[in-house]
PDB file of N, CA and C in Angstrom:
ATOM      1  N   MET A   1     -19.889 -17.661 -17.898  1.00  0.00           N
ATOM      2  CA  MET A   1     -18.311 -16.793 -18.426  1.00  0.00           C
ATOM      3  C   MET A   1     -18.239 -16.044 -17.378  1.00  0.00           C
ATOM      4  N   PRO A   2     -17.162 -16.006 -16.458  1.00  0.00           N
ATOM      5  CA  PRO A   2     -16.353 -14.895 -15.420  1.00  0.00           C
ATOM      6  C   PRO A   2     -16.128 -13.350 -16.324  1.00  0.00           C
ATOM      7  N   HIS A   3     -16.795 -12.767 -15.472  1.00  0.00           N
ATOM      8  CA  HIS A   3     -16.698 -11.216 -15.624  1.00  0.00           C
ATOM      9  C   HIS A   3     -15.170 -10.261 -15.506  1.00  0.00           C
ATOM     10  N   MET A   4     -14.953  -9.908 -16.801  1.00  0.00           N
ATOM     11  CA  MET A   4     -13.233  -9.214 -16.879  1.00  0.00           C
ATOM     12  C   MET A   4     -12.935  -8.853 -15.638  1.00  0.00           C
ATOM     13  N   PHE A   5     -13.812  -8.014 -15.468  1.00  0.00           N
ATOM     14  CA  PHE A   5     -13.523  -6.766 -14.119  1.00  0.00           C
ATOM     15  C   PHE A   5     -14.428  -7.799 -12.995  1.00  0.00           C
ATOM     16  N   PRO A   6     -13.860  -7.871 -12.042  1.00  0.00           N
ATOM     17  CA  PRO A   6     -14.701  -8.679 -10.949  1.00  0.00           C
ATOM     18  C   PRO A   6     -14.950  -7.589 -10.431  1.00  0.00           C
ATOM     19  N   ARG A   7     -16.158  -6.986  -9.096  1.00  0.00           N
ATOM     20  CA  ARG A   7     -16.436  -6.284  -8.507  1.00  0.00           C
ATOM     21  C   ARG A   7     -14.963  -5.979  -7.136  1.00  0.00           C
ATOM     22  N   SER A   8     -14.310  -6.978  -6.965  1.00  0.00           N
ATOM     23  CA  SER A   8     -13.066  -6.934  -5.345  1.00  0.00           C
ATOM     24  C   SER A   8     -12.284  -6.058  -6.426  1.00  0.00           C
ATOM     25  N   ARG A   9     -12.387  -6.005  -7.909  1.00  0.00           N
ATOM     26  CA  ARG A   9     -10.738  -5.613  -8.564  1.00  0.00           C
ATOM     27  C   ARG A   9     -11.704  -3.981  -9.169  1.00  0.00           C
ATOM     28  N   ARG A  10     -12.403  -3.700  -8.847  1.00  0.00           N
ATOM     29  CA  ARG A  10     -12.496  -2.086  -9.131  1.00  0.00           C
ATOM     30  C   ARG A  10     -12.913  -1.410  -8.067  1.00  0.00           C
ATOM     31  N   ILE A  11     -13.182  -2.285  -7.051  1.00  0.00           N
ATOM     32  CA  ILE A  11     -12.960  -1.581  -5.248  1.00  0.00           C
ATOM     33  C   ILE A  11     -11.316  -1.437  -4.896  1.00  0.00           C
ATOM     34  N   GLU A  12     -10.374  -2.548  -5.468  1.00  0.00           N
ATOM     35  CA  GLU A  12      -9.778  -2.131  -5.274  1.00  0.00           C
ATOM     36  C   GLU A  12      -8.902  -0.589  -5.383  1.00  0.00           C
ATOM     37  N   ASP A  13      -9.351  -0.160  -6.636  1.00  0.00           N
ATOM     38  CA  ASP A  13      -8.329   0.268  -7.842  1.00  0.00           C
ATOM     39  C   ASP A  13      -9.356   1.582  -7.360  1.00  0.00           C
ATOM     40  N   LEU A  14     -10.624   1.510  -6.253  1.00  0.00           N
ATOM     41  CA  LEU A  14     -11.319   2.562  -5.667  1.00  0.00           C
ATOM     42  C   LEU A  14     -10.946   3.072  -4.873  1.00  0.00           C
ATOM     43  N   LEU A  15     -10.232   1.659  -3.830  1.00  0.00           N
ATOM     44  CA  LEU A  15      -9.788   2.520  -2.262  1.00  0.00           C
ATOM     45  C   LEU A  15      -8.376   3.133  -3.097  1.00  0.00           C
ATOM     46  N   ARG A  16      -7.216   2.475  -3.824  1.00  0.00           N
ATOM     47  CA  ARG A  16      -6.173   3.279  -3.669  1.00  0.00           C
ATOM     48  C   ARG A  16      -6.465   4.722  -3.962  1.00  0.00           C
ATOM     49  N   LYS A  17      -6.649   4.694  -5.171  1.00  0.00           N
ATOM     50  CA  LYS A  17      -6.727   6.489  -5.747  1.00  0.00           C
ATOM     51  C   LYS A  17      -7.728   7.012  -4.622  1.00  0.00           C
ATOM     52  N   GLU A  18      -8.501   6.656  -3.814  1.00  0.00           N
ATOM     53  CA  GLU A  18      -9.097   7.204  -2.526  1.00  0.00           C
ATOM     54  C   GLU A  18      -8.183   7.628  -1.907  1.00  0.00           C
ATOM     55  N   MET A  19      -7.336   6.963  -1.684  1.00  0.00           N
ATOM     56  CA  MET A  19      -6.368   6.542  -0.086  1.00  0.00           C
ATOM     57  C   MET A  19      -4.704   7.473  -0.816  1.00  0.00           C
ATOM     58  N   ALA A  20      -4.669   7.277  -1.965  1.00  0.00           N
ATOM     59  CA  ALA A  20      -3.673   8.589  -2.431  1.00  0.00           C
ATOM     60  C   ALA A  20      -4.058   9.650  -2.509  1.00  0.00           C
ATOM     61  N   ASP A  21      -5.875  10.212  -2.958  1.00  0.00           N
ATOM     62  CA  ASP A  21      -5.587  11.291  -2.585  1.00  0.00           C
ATOM     63  C   ASP A  21      -5.763  11.758  -0.745  1.00  0.00           C
ATOM     64  N   MET A  22      -6.252  11.284  -0.554  1.00  0.00           N
ATOM     65  CA  MET A  22      -6.380  11.032   1.211  1.00  0.00           C
ATOM     66  C   MET A  22      -4.515  11.413   1.972  1.00  0.00           C
ATOM     67  N   LEU A  23      -3.981  10.584   1.337  1.00  0.00           N
ATOM     68  CA  LEU A  23      -2.231  10.943   2.156  1.00  0.00           C
ATOM     69  C   LEU A  23      -1.922  12.483   1.632  1.00  0.00           C
ATOM     70  N   LEU A  24      -2.119  12.755  -0.091  1.00  0.00           N
ATOM     71  CA  LEU A  24      -1.343  14.151  -0.188  1.00  0.00           C
ATOM     72  C   LEU A  24      -2.650  14.704   0.233  1.00  0.00           C
ATOM     73  N   VAL A  25      -3.344  14.932   0.517  1.00  0.00           N
ATOM     74  CA  VAL A  25      -4.483  16.347   1.356  1.00  0.00           C
ATOM     75  C   VAL A  25      -4.604  16.042   2.611  1.00  0.00           C
ATOM     76  N   GLU A  26      -5.271  15.128   2.708  1.00  0.00           N
ATOM     77  CA  GLU A  26      -5.889  15.411   3.778  1.00  0.00           C
ATOM     78  C   GLU A  26      -4.924  14.574   5.227  1.00  0.00           C
ATOM     79  N   ILE A  27      -4.333  14.204   5.593  1.00  0.00           N
ATOM     80  CA  ILE A  27      -3.819  13.009   5.957  1.00  0.00           C
ATOM     81  C   ILE A  27      -2.355  13.936   6.593  1.00  0.00           C
ATOM     82  N   LYS A  28      -2.734  14.739   8.224  1.00  0.00           N
ATOM     83  CA  LYS A  28      -1.790  15.249   8.828  1.00  0.00           C
ATOM     84  C   LYS A  28      -0.961  14.789   9.654  1.00  0.00           C
ATOM     85  N   ASP A  29      -0.533  13.905   9.930  1.00  0.00           N
ATOM     86  CA  ASP A  29      -0.164  12.616  10.934  1.00  0.00           C
ATOM     87  C   ASP A  29       1.657  12.769  10.264  1.00  0.00           C
ATOM     88  N   PRO A  30       2.126  13.744  11.092  1.00  0.00           N
ATOM     89  CA  PRO A  30       3.854  13.981  10.857  1.00  0.00           C
ATOM     90  C   PRO A  30       4.450  12.409  10.071  1.00  0.00           C
ATOM     91  N   ARG A  31       4.097  11.769  11.120  1.00  0.00           N
ATOM     92  CA  ARG A  31       4.210   9.908  10.365  1.00  0.00           C
ATOM     93  C   ARG A  31       4.419   9.785   9.412  1.00  0.00           C
ATOM     94  N   ILE A  32       3.215   9.900   8.654  1.00  0.00           N
ATOM     95  CA  ILE A  32       3.156   9.617   7.284  1.00  0.00           C
ATOM     96  C   ILE A  32       3.615  11.009   6.162  1.00  0.00           C
ATOM     97  N   GLN A  33       3.582  11.837   6.563  1.00  0.00           N
ATOM     98  CA  GLN A  33       4.434  12.751   5.735  1.00  0.00           C
ATOM     99  C   GLN A  33       5.537  12.232   4.766  1.00  0.00           C
ATOM    100  N   GLY A  34       5.520  12.423   4.013  1.00  0.00           N
ATOM    101  CA  GLY A  34       6.474  11.724   3.088  1.00  0.00           C
ATOM    102  C   GLY A  34       7.065  11.350   2.027  1.00  0.00           C
ATOM    103  N   LEU A  35       7.867  10.401   1.470  1.00  0.00           N
ATOM    104  CA  LEU A  35       7.269   9.636   0.353  1.00  0.00           C
ATOM    105  C   LEU A  35       6.956   8.469   0.573  1.00  0.00           C
ATOM    106  N   VAL A  36       5.210   8.269   0.734  1.00  0.00           N
ATOM    107  CA  VAL A  36       4.873   7.513   1.181  1.00  0.00           C
ATOM    108  C   VAL A  36       3.677   6.600  -0.366  1.00  0.00           C
ATOM    109  N   THR A  37       3.860   6.098  -0.890  1.00  0.00           N
ATOM    110  CA  THR A  37       2.836   5.727  -2.428  1.00  0.00           C
ATOM    111  C   THR A  37       2.430   4.306  -1.775  1.00  0.00           C
ATOM    112  N   ILE A  38       0.712   3.866  -2.015  1.00  0.00           N
ATOM    113  CA  ILE A  38       0.071   2.818  -2.121  1.00  0.00           C
ATOM    114  C   ILE A  38       0.685   2.554  -3.361  1.00  0.00           C
ATOM    115  N   MET A  39       1.267   1.167  -3.474  1.00  0.00           N
ATOM    116  CA  MET A  39       1.553   0.326  -4.496  1.00  0.00           C
ATOM    117  C   MET A  39       0.836  -0.236  -4.669  1.00  0.00           C
ATOM    118  N   GLN A  40      -0.258  -1.069  -4.010  1.00  0.00           N
ATOM    119  CA  GLN A  40      -1.207  -1.821  -4.656  1.00  0.00           C
ATOM    120  C   GLN A  40      -2.422  -2.069  -3.191  1.00  0.00           C
ATOM    121  N   VAL A  41      -3.536  -2.268  -3.441  1.00  0.00           N
ATOM    122  CA  VAL A  41      -4.732  -3.302  -2.641  1.00  0.00           C
ATOM    123  C   VAL A  41      -5.040  -4.223  -2.953  1.00  0.00           C
ATOM    124  N   LYS A  42      -5.509  -5.631  -1.971  1.00  0.00           N
ATOM    125  CA  LYS A  42      -6.221  -6.127  -2.324  1.00  0.00           C
ATOM    126  C   LYS A  42      -7.292  -6.326  -1.414  1.00  0.00           C
ATOM    127  N   VAL A  43      -8.636  -6.595  -1.970  1.00  0.00           N
ATOM    128  CA  VAL A  43      -9.566  -6.919  -1.511  1.00  0.00           C
ATOM    129  C   VAL A  43      -9.722  -8.057  -1.352  1.00  0.00           C
ATOM    130  N   SER A  44     -10.291  -9.169  -0.087  1.00  0.00           N
ATOM    131  CA  SER A  44     -10.569 -10.025  -0.210  1.00  0.00           C
ATOM    132  C   SER A  44     -12.095 -10.085  -0.452  1.00  0.00           C
ATOM    133  N   GLU A  45     -12.380 -11.539  -1.368  1.00  0.00           N
ATOM    134  CA  GLU A  45     -13.488 -12.068  -1.855  1.00  0.00           C
ATOM    135  C   GLU A  45     -15.127 -11.503  -1.260  1.00  0.00           C
ATOM    136  N   ASP A  46     -14.932 -11.593   0.053  1.00  0.00           N
ATOM    137  CA  ASP A  46     -16.128 -11.033   0.714  1.00  0.00           C
ATOM    138  C   ASP A  46     -16.324  -9.653   1.014  1.00  0.00           C
ATOM    139  N   LEU A  47     -15.293  -9.084   0.171  1.00  0.00           N
ATOM    140  CA  LEU A  47     -15.086  -8.104   0.714  1.00  0.00           C
ATOM    141  C   LEU A  47     -15.154  -7.438   1.833  1.00  0.00           C
ATOM    142  N   CYS A  48     -14.622  -7.644   2.983  1.00  0.00           N
ATOM    143  CA  CYS A  48     -14.662  -7.464   4.360  1.00  0.00           C
ATOM    144  C   CYS A  48     -12.860  -6.884   4.442  1.00  0.00           C
ATOM    145  N   HIS A  49     -12.645  -7.475   4.043  1.00  0.00           N
ATOM    146  CA  HIS A  49     -10.814  -7.025   4.349  1.00  0.00           C
ATOM    147  C   HIS A  49     -10.388  -6.378   2.988  1.00  0.00           C
ATOM    148  N   ALA A  50      -9.209  -5.096   3.401  1.00  0.00           N
ATOM    149  CA  ALA A  50      -8.544  -4.585   2.203  1.00  0.00           C
ATOM    150  C   ALA A  50      -7.420  -4.621   2.993  1.00  0.00           C
ATOM    151  N   ARG A  51      -6.181  -4.889   1.810  1.00  0.00           N
ATOM    152  CA  ARG A  51      -4.783  -4.819   2.314  1.00  0.00           C
ATOM    153  C   ARG A  51      -4.547  -4.080   1.627  1.00  0.00           C
ATOM    154  N   PHE A  52      -3.773  -3.251   2.161  1.00  0.00           N
ATOM    155  CA  PHE A  52      -2.640  -1.667   1.311  1.00  0.00           C
ATOM    156  C   PHE A  52      -1.170  -2.425   1.829  1.00  0.00           C
ATOM    157  N   PHE A  53      -0.357  -2.415   0.752  1.00  0.00           N
ATOM    158  CA  PHE A  53       0.836  -1.951   0.255  1.00  0.00           C
ATOM    159  C   PHE A  53       1.171  -1.077   0.218  1.00  0.00           C
ATOM    160  N   VAL A  54       2.449  -0.506   0.802  1.00  0.00           N
ATOM    161  CA  VAL A  54       2.725   1.189   1.369  1.00  0.00           C
ATOM    162  C   VAL A  54       4.094   0.745   0.425  1.00  0.00           C
ATOM    163  N   SER A  55       4.672   1.723   0.062  1.00  0.00           N
ATOM    164  CA  SER A  55       6.094   1.606  -0.464  1.00  0.00           C
ATOM    165  C   SER A  55       6.596   3.004   0.551  1.00  0.00           C
ATOM    166  N   VAL A  56       7.519   3.149   1.009  1.00  0.00           N
ATOM    167  CA  VAL A  56       7.979   4.187   2.174  1.00  0.00           C
ATOM    168  C   VAL A  56       9.706   4.169   1.419  1.00  0.00           C
ATOM    169  N   LEU A  57       9.487   5.687   1.181  1.00  0.00           N
ATOM    170  CA  LEU A  57      11.180   5.681   1.058  1.00  0.00           C
ATOM    171  C   LEU A  57      12.155   6.115   2.225  1.00  0.00           C
ATOM    172  N   GLY A  58      13.363   5.938   2.174  1.00  0.00           N
ATOM    173  CA  GLY A  58      13.146   6.119   3.537  1.00  0.00           C
ATOM    174  C   GLY A  58      14.048   4.503   4.127  1.00  0.00           C
ATOM    175  N   SER A  59      14.547   4.939   5.832  1.00  0.00           N
ATOM    176  CA  SER A  59      14.812   3.451   6.231  1.00  0.00           C
ATOM    177  C   SER A  59      13.988   2.471   6.692  1.00  0.00           C
ATOM    178  N   GLU A  60      13.993   1.946   7.261  1.00  0.00           N
ATOM    179  CA  GLU A  60      13.193   0.815   7.883  1.00  0.00           C
ATOM    180  C   GLU A  60      12.770   1.343   9.459  1.00  0.00           C
ATOM    181  N   SER A  61      13.319   2.107  10.126  1.00  0.00           N
ATOM    182  CA  SER A  61      12.314   2.714  11.416  1.00  0.00           C
ATOM    183  C   SER A  61      11.595   3.819  10.425  1.00  0.00           C
ATOM    184  N   GLU A  62      11.584   4.668   9.334  1.00  0.00           N
ATOM    185  CA  GLU A  62      10.419   4.881   9.255  1.00  0.00           C
ATOM    186  C   GLU A  62       9.589   4.824   8.065  1.00  0.00           C
ATOM    187  N   GLY A  63       9.621   3.279   8.066  1.00  0.00           N
ATOM    188  CA  GLY A  63       8.563   2.688   7.535  1.00  0.00           C
ATOM    189  C   GLY A  63       7.277   1.854   8.711  1.00  0.00           C
ATOM    190  N   LYS A  64       8.279   1.671   9.592  1.00  0.00           N
ATOM    191  CA  LYS A  64       7.196   1.401  10.853  1.00  0.00           C
ATOM    192  C   LYS A  64       7.475   2.464  11.301  1.00  0.00           C
ATOM    193  N   SER A  65       7.337   3.605  11.468  1.00  0.00           N
ATOM    194  CA  SER A  65       6.893   4.950  11.600  1.00  0.00           C
ATOM    195  C   SER A  65       4.889   5.369  11.144  1.00  0.00           C
ATOM    196  N   VAL A  66       5.527   5.339   9.505  1.00  0.00           N
ATOM    197  CA  VAL A  66       4.718   5.246   8.622  1.00  0.00           C
ATOM    198  C   VAL A  66       3.411   4.376   8.895  1.00  0.00           C
ATOM    199  N   LEU A  67       3.482   3.153   9.393  1.00  0.00           N
ATOM    200  CA  LEU A  67       2.869   2.022   9.402  1.00  0.00           C
ATOM    201  C   LEU A  67       2.397   2.500  10.754  1.00  0.00           C
ATOM    202  N   GLU A  68       2.374   2.786  11.874  1.00  0.00           N
ATOM    203  CA  GLU A  68       2.031   2.858  13.173  1.00  0.00           C
ATOM    204  C   GLU A  68       0.968   4.320  13.159  1.00  0.00           C
ATOM    205  N   GLY A  69       1.308   5.005  12.052  1.00  0.00           N
ATOM    206  CA  GLY A  69       0.805   6.498  11.093  1.00  0.00           C
ATOM    207  C   GLY A  69      -0.484   6.075  10.985  1.00  0.00           C
ATOM    208  N   LEU A  70      -0.072   5.294  10.043  1.00  0.00           N
ATOM    209  CA  LEU A  70      -1.553   4.801   9.407  1.00  0.00           C
ATOM    210  C   LEU A  70      -2.248   3.899   9.563  1.00  0.00           C
ATOM    211  N   ASN A  71      -2.026   2.924  10.885  1.00  0.00           N
ATOM    212  CA  ASN A  71      -2.558   2.280  11.799  1.00  0.00           C
ATOM    213  C   ASN A  71      -3.557   3.412  12.821  1.00  0.00           C
ATOM    214  N   LYS A  72      -2.767   4.188  13.320  1.00  0.00           N
ATOM    215  CA  LYS A  72      -3.508   5.256  14.395  1.00  0.00           C
ATOM    216  C   LYS A  72      -4.951   6.143  13.523  1.00  0.00           C
ATOM    217  N   ALA A  73      -4.410   6.560  12.232  1.00  0.00           N
ATOM    218  CA  ALA A  73      -5.264   7.048  11.571  1.00  0.00           C
ATOM    219  C   ALA A  73      -6.470   6.157  11.249  1.00  0.00           C
ATOM    220  N   LYS A  74      -6.934   4.480  11.121  1.00  0.00           N
ATOM    221  CA  LYS A  74      -7.294   4.324  10.344  1.00  0.00           C
ATOM    222  C   LYS A  74      -8.873   4.125  10.281  1.00  0.00           C
ATOM    223  N   GLY A  75      -9.745   4.421  11.359  1.00  0.00           N
ATOM    224  CA  GLY A  75     -10.562   5.227  11.994  1.00  0.00           C
ATOM    225  C   GLY A  75     -10.868   6.314  11.006  1.00  0.00           C
ATOM    226  N   PHE A  76     -10.421   7.405  10.890  1.00  0.00           N
ATOM    227  CA  PHE A  76     -10.456   8.324   9.987  1.00  0.00           C
ATOM    228  C   PHE A  76     -10.432   7.963   8.938  1.00  0.00           C
ATOM    229  N   ILE A  77      -9.385   6.916   8.675  1.00  0.00           N
ATOM    230  CA  ILE A  77      -9.454   6.530   6.920  1.00  0.00           C
ATOM    231  C   ILE A  77     -10.912   6.207   6.575  1.00  0.00           C
ATOM    232  N   ARG A  78     -11.224   5.303   7.022  1.00  0.00           N
ATOM    233  CA  ARG A  78     -12.294   4.347   7.127  1.00  0.00           C
ATOM    234  C   ARG A  78     -13.655   5.509   7.333  1.00  0.00           C
ATOM    235  N   ARG A  79     -13.736   6.157   8.062  1.00  0.00           N
ATOM    236  CA  ARG A  79     -15.060   7.318   7.987  1.00  0.00           C
ATOM    237  C   ARG A  79     -15.107   7.461   6.885  1.00  0.00           C
ATOM    238  N   THR A  80     -13.627   8.362   6.244  1.00  0.00           N
ATOM    239  CA  THR A  80     -13.873   9.205   5.724  1.00  0.00           C
ATOM    240  C   THR A  80     -14.085   8.372   3.723  1.00  0.00           C
ATOM    241  N   LEU A  81     -13.167   7.017   3.894  1.00  0.00           N
ATOM    242  CA  LEU A  81     -13.689   6.551   2.502  1.00  0.00           C
ATOM    243  C   LEU A  81     -15.499   6.180   2.249  1.00  0.00           C
ATOM    244  N   GLY A  82     -15.843   6.146   4.010  1.00  0.00           N
ATOM    245  CA  GLY A  82     -17.390   5.707   3.639  1.00  0.00           C
ATOM    246  C   GLY A  82     -18.134   6.598   3.328  1.00  0.00           C
ATOM    247  N   HIS A  83     -17.703   7.800   4.091  1.00  0.00           N
ATOM    248  CA  HIS A  83     -18.531   9.450   3.128  1.00  0.00           C
ATOM    249  C   HIS A  83     -18.524   9.473   1.294  1.00  0.00           C
ATOM    250  N   ARG A  84     -17.146   8.910   0.998  1.00  0.00           N
ATOM    251  CA  ARG A  84     -17.157   9.246  -0.592  1.00  0.00           C
ATOM    252  C   ARG A  84     -17.294   7.938  -0.913  1.00  0.00           C
ATOM    253  N   LEU A  85     -17.280   6.919  -0.707  1.00  0.00           N
ATOM    254  CA  LEU A  85     -17.698   5.891  -1.440  1.00  0.00           C
ATOM    255  C   LEU A  85     -18.614   5.313  -1.535  1.00  0.00           C
ATOM    256  N   ASP A  86     -19.574   5.085  -2.435  1.00  0.00           N
ATOM    257  CA  ASP A  86     -21.039   4.617  -2.981  1.00  0.00           C
ATOM    258  C   ASP A  86     -20.926   2.982  -2.779  1.00  0.00           C
ATOM    259  N   LEU A  87     -20.523   2.152  -0.806  1.00  0.00           N
ATOM    260  CA  LEU A  87     -20.469   0.982  -0.794  1.00  0.00           C
ATOM    261  C   LEU A  87     -21.227   0.740   0.476  1.00  0.00           C
ATOM    262  N   ARG A  88     -22.068  -0.227   0.303  1.00  0.00           N
ATOM    263  CA  ARG A  88     -23.278  -0.606   1.539  1.00  0.00           C
ATOM    264  C   ARG A  88     -21.881  -0.899   2.910  1.00  0.00           C
ATOM    265  N   ARG A  89     -20.838  -1.791   2.663  1.00  0.00           N
ATOM    266  CA  ARG A  89     -19.735  -1.544   3.958  1.00  0.00           C
ATOM    267  C   ARG A  89     -18.403  -1.529   3.293  1.00  0.00           C
ATOM    268  N   ILE A  90     -17.622  -0.593   4.041  1.00  0.00           N
ATOM    269  CA  ILE A  90     -16.339  -0.414   4.182  1.00  0.00           C
ATOM    270  C   ILE A  90     -15.931  -1.521   4.462  1.00  0.00           C
ATOM    271  N   PRO A  91     -14.212  -2.126   3.768  1.00  0.00           N
ATOM    272  CA  PRO A  91     -13.948  -3.252   4.433  1.00  0.00           C
ATOM    273  C   PRO A  91     -13.221  -2.695   5.211  1.00  0.00           C
ATOM    274  N   GLU A  92     -12.693  -3.768   6.271  1.00  0.00           N
ATOM    275  CA  GLU A  92     -12.020  -3.231   7.110  1.00  0.00           C
ATOM    276  C   GLU A  92     -10.123  -3.502   6.672  1.00  0.00           C
ATOM    277  N   LEU A  93      -9.278  -2.295   7.087  1.00  0.00           N
ATOM    278  CA  LEU A  93      -8.244  -1.495   6.458  1.00  0.00           C
ATOM    279  C   LEU A  93      -7.117  -2.607   7.350  1.00  0.00           C
ATOM    280  N   HIS A  94      -6.220  -2.777   6.389  1.00  0.00           N
ATOM    281  CA  HIS A  94      -4.724  -3.399   7.019  1.00  0.00           C
ATOM    282  C   HIS A  94      -3.831  -3.064   6.029  1.00  0.00           C
ATOM    283  N   PHE A  95      -2.672  -2.539   7.065  1.00  0.00           N
ATOM    284  CA  PHE A  95      -1.328  -2.029   6.170  1.00  0.00           C
ATOM    285  C   PHE A  95      -0.520  -2.822   6.552  1.00  0.00           C
ATOM    286  N   GLN A  96       0.712  -2.743   5.183  1.00  0.00           N
ATOM    287  CA  GLN A  96       1.198  -3.674   4.630  1.00  0.00           C
ATOM    288  C   GLN A  96       2.483  -3.266   4.653  1.00  0.00           C
ATOM    289  N   LEU A  97       3.977  -2.968   4.711  1.00  0.00           N
ATOM    290  CA  LEU A  97       5.035  -2.335   3.706  1.00  0.00           C
ATOM    291  C   LEU A  97       5.502  -3.402   2.662  1.00  0.00           C
ATOM    292  N   ASP A  98       5.381  -2.607   1.568  1.00  0.00           N
ATOM    293  CA  ASP A  98       5.632  -3.195   0.656  1.00  0.00           C
ATOM    294  C   ASP A  98       7.056  -3.421  -0.071  1.00  0.00           C
ATOM    295  N   ARG A  99       7.893  -4.733   0.055  1.00  0.00           N
ATOM    296  CA  ARG A  99       9.207  -5.084   0.134  1.00  0.00           C
ATOM    297  C   ARG A  99       9.745  -5.310  -1.206  1.00  0.00           C
ATOM    298  N   SER A 100       8.406  -4.796  -2.740  1.00  0.00           N
ATOM    299  CA  SER A 100       8.578  -5.745  -4.251  1.00  0.00           C
ATOM    300  C   SER A 100      10.049  -4.204  -4.545  1.00  0.00           C
ATOM    301  N   LEU A 101      10.186  -3.312  -4.224  1.00  0.00           N
ATOM    302  CA  LEU A 101      11.386  -2.087  -5.056  1.00  0.00           C
ATOM    303  C   LEU A 101      12.470  -2.798  -4.613  1.00  0.00           C
ATOM    304  N   ASP A 102      12.506  -2.837  -2.978  1.00  0.00           N
ATOM    305  CA  ASP A 102      13.719  -3.337  -2.341  1.00  0.00           C
ATOM    306  C   ASP A 102      14.219  -4.878  -2.939  1.00  0.00           C
ATOM    307  N   ASP A 103      12.982  -5.515  -3.355  1.00  0.00           N
ATOM    308  CA  ASP A 103      13.865  -7.269  -3.643  1.00  0.00           C
ATOM    309  C   ASP A 103      14.012  -6.781  -5.444  1.00  0.00           C
ATOM    310  N   GLN A 104      13.425  -6.292  -5.454  1.00  0.00           N
ATOM    311  CA  GLN A 104      13.820  -5.825  -7.407  1.00  0.00           C
ATOM    312  C   GLN A 104      14.776  -5.525  -7.396  1.00  0.00           C
ATOM    313  N   GLU A 105      15.597  -4.574  -6.598  1.00  0.00           N
ATOM    314  CA  GLU A 105      16.543  -3.998  -6.267  1.00  0.00           C
ATOM    315  C   GLU A 105      18.132  -4.986  -6.152  1.00  0.00           C
ATOM    316  N   LYS A 106      18.089  -5.663  -5.152  1.00  0.00           N
ATOM    317  CA  LYS A 106      18.663  -6.705  -4.638  1.00  0.00           C
ATOM    318  C   LYS A 106      18.843  -7.399  -5.849  1.00  0.00           C
ATOM    319  N   ILE A 107      17.571  -7.688  -6.636  1.00  0.00           N
ATOM    320  CA  ILE A 107      17.831  -8.861  -7.828  1.00  0.00           C
ATOM    321  C   ILE A 107      19.278  -8.537  -8.827  1.00  0.00           C
ATOM    322  N   GLU A 108      18.264  -6.848  -9.117  1.00  0.00           N
ATOM    323  CA  GLU A 108      19.413  -6.202  -9.928  1.00  0.00           C
ATOM    324  C   GLU A 108      20.630  -6.041 -10.135  1.00  0.00           C
ATOM    325  N   ARG A 109      21.036  -5.849  -8.403  1.00  0.00           N
ATOM    326  CA  ARG A 109      22.415  -5.932  -8.206  1.00  0.00           C
ATOM    327  C   ARG A 109      23.532  -7.454  -8.290  1.00  0.00           C
ATOM    328  N   LEU A 110      22.553  -8.561  -7.733  1.00  0.00           N
ATOM    329  CA  LEU A 110      23.411  -9.663  -7.992  1.00  0.00           C
ATOM    330  C   LEU A 110      23.204 -10.120  -9.448  1.00  0.00           C
ATOM    331  N   LEU A 111      22.146  -9.731 -10.768  1.00  0.00           N
ATOM    332  CA  LEU A 111      22.758 -10.058 -11.777  1.00  0.00           C
ATOM    333  C   LEU A 111      23.709  -8.878 -12.251  1.00  0.00           C
ATOM    334  N   ALA A 112      24.255  -7.689 -11.359  1.00  0.00           N
ATOM    335  CA  ALA A 112      25.212  -7.003 -12.032  1.00  0.00           C
ATOM    336  C   ALA A 112      26.183  -7.654 -11.958  1.00  0.00           C
ATOM    337  N   SER A 113      26.554  -8.140 -11.005  1.00  0.00           N
ATOM    338  CA  SER A 113      27.593  -9.048 -10.146  1.00  0.00           C
ATOM    339  C   SER A 113      27.646 -10.056 -10.902  1.00  0.00           C
ATOM    340  N   VAL A 114      26.792 -10.823 -11.313  1.00  0.00           N
ATOM    341  CA  VAL A 114      27.100 -11.897 -12.113  1.00  0.00           C
ATOM    342  C   VAL A 114      27.726 -11.749 -13.168  1.00  0.00           C
ATOM    343  N   LYS A 115      27.197 -10.884 -13.931  1.00  0.00           N
ATOM    344  CA  LYS A 115      27.370 -10.438 -15.354  1.00  0.00           C
ATOM    345  C   LYS A 115      28.592  -9.803 -15.343  1.00  0.00           C
ATOM    346  N   ASP A 116      29.471  -9.165 -14.275  1.00  0.00           N
ATOM    347  CA  ASP A 116      30.899  -8.332 -13.699  1.00  0.00           C
ATOM    348  C   ASP A 116      31.368 -10.044 -14.014  1.00  0.00           C
ATOM    349  N   GLY A 117      31.194 -11.071 -13.145  1.00  0.00           N
ATOM    350  CA  GLY A 117      32.028 -12.990 -12.809  1.00  0.00           C
ATOM    351  C   GLY A 117      32.183 -12.267 -11.939  1.00  0.00           C
ATOM    352  N   GLN A 118      31.305 -11.252 -10.913  1.00  0.00           N
ATOM    353  CA  GLN A 118      31.610 -11.323  -9.484  1.00  0.00           C
ATOM    354  C   GLN A 118      30.421 -12.423  -8.507  1.00  0.00           C
ATOM    355  N   GLN A 119      30.436 -12.917  -7.626  1.00  0.00           N
ATOM    356  CA  GLN A 119      29.481 -13.189  -7.007  1.00  0.00           C
ATOM    357  C   GLN A 119      29.392 -12.943  -6.197  1.00  0.00           C
ATOM    358  N   THR A 120      28.299 -12.207  -5.216  1.00  0.00           N
ATOM    359  CA  THR A 120      27.975 -11.649  -3.821  1.00  0.00           C
ATOM    360  C   THR A 120      27.111 -12.130  -3.212  1.00  0.00           C
ATOM    361  N   GLU A 121      27.607 -12.642  -1.802  1.00  0.00           N
ATOM    362  CA  GLU A 121      26.691 -12.811  -0.728  1.00  0.00           C
ATOM    363  C   GLU A 121      25.814 -12.012  -0.185  1.00  0.00           C
ATOM    364  N   SER A 122      24.690 -12.420  -0.161  1.00  0.00           N
ATOM    365  CA  SER A 122      23.421 -11.189   0.507  1.00  0.00           C
ATOM    366  C   SER A 122      23.369 -11.687   2.219  1.00  0.00           C
TER     367      SER A 122
END
């Protein structure tokens, strides 16, 4: 019988929580300051890679700037996670913009336009 909460799921939750705390307090890069949210973390089955999906309130260029800042701070983040978490190995970190909120907004606009009897193109 498979476990209800596999280890990778627990590690995803732990990484998301610790990373959110670090964004609020410890990471001082001005590119990362602002409205950055960790939406989701996916850890590979072998626990060697962790992909962080981040949402940025702002323009596309601000999102790219946040990704640059996060990638620049990877070493600091990974080292800090290593000190905080009781893991044999800290996964390699990867950051990606989460577009789900943009997609959701687009779908809602399309549904509203269909409801009003108008069809818009995007």
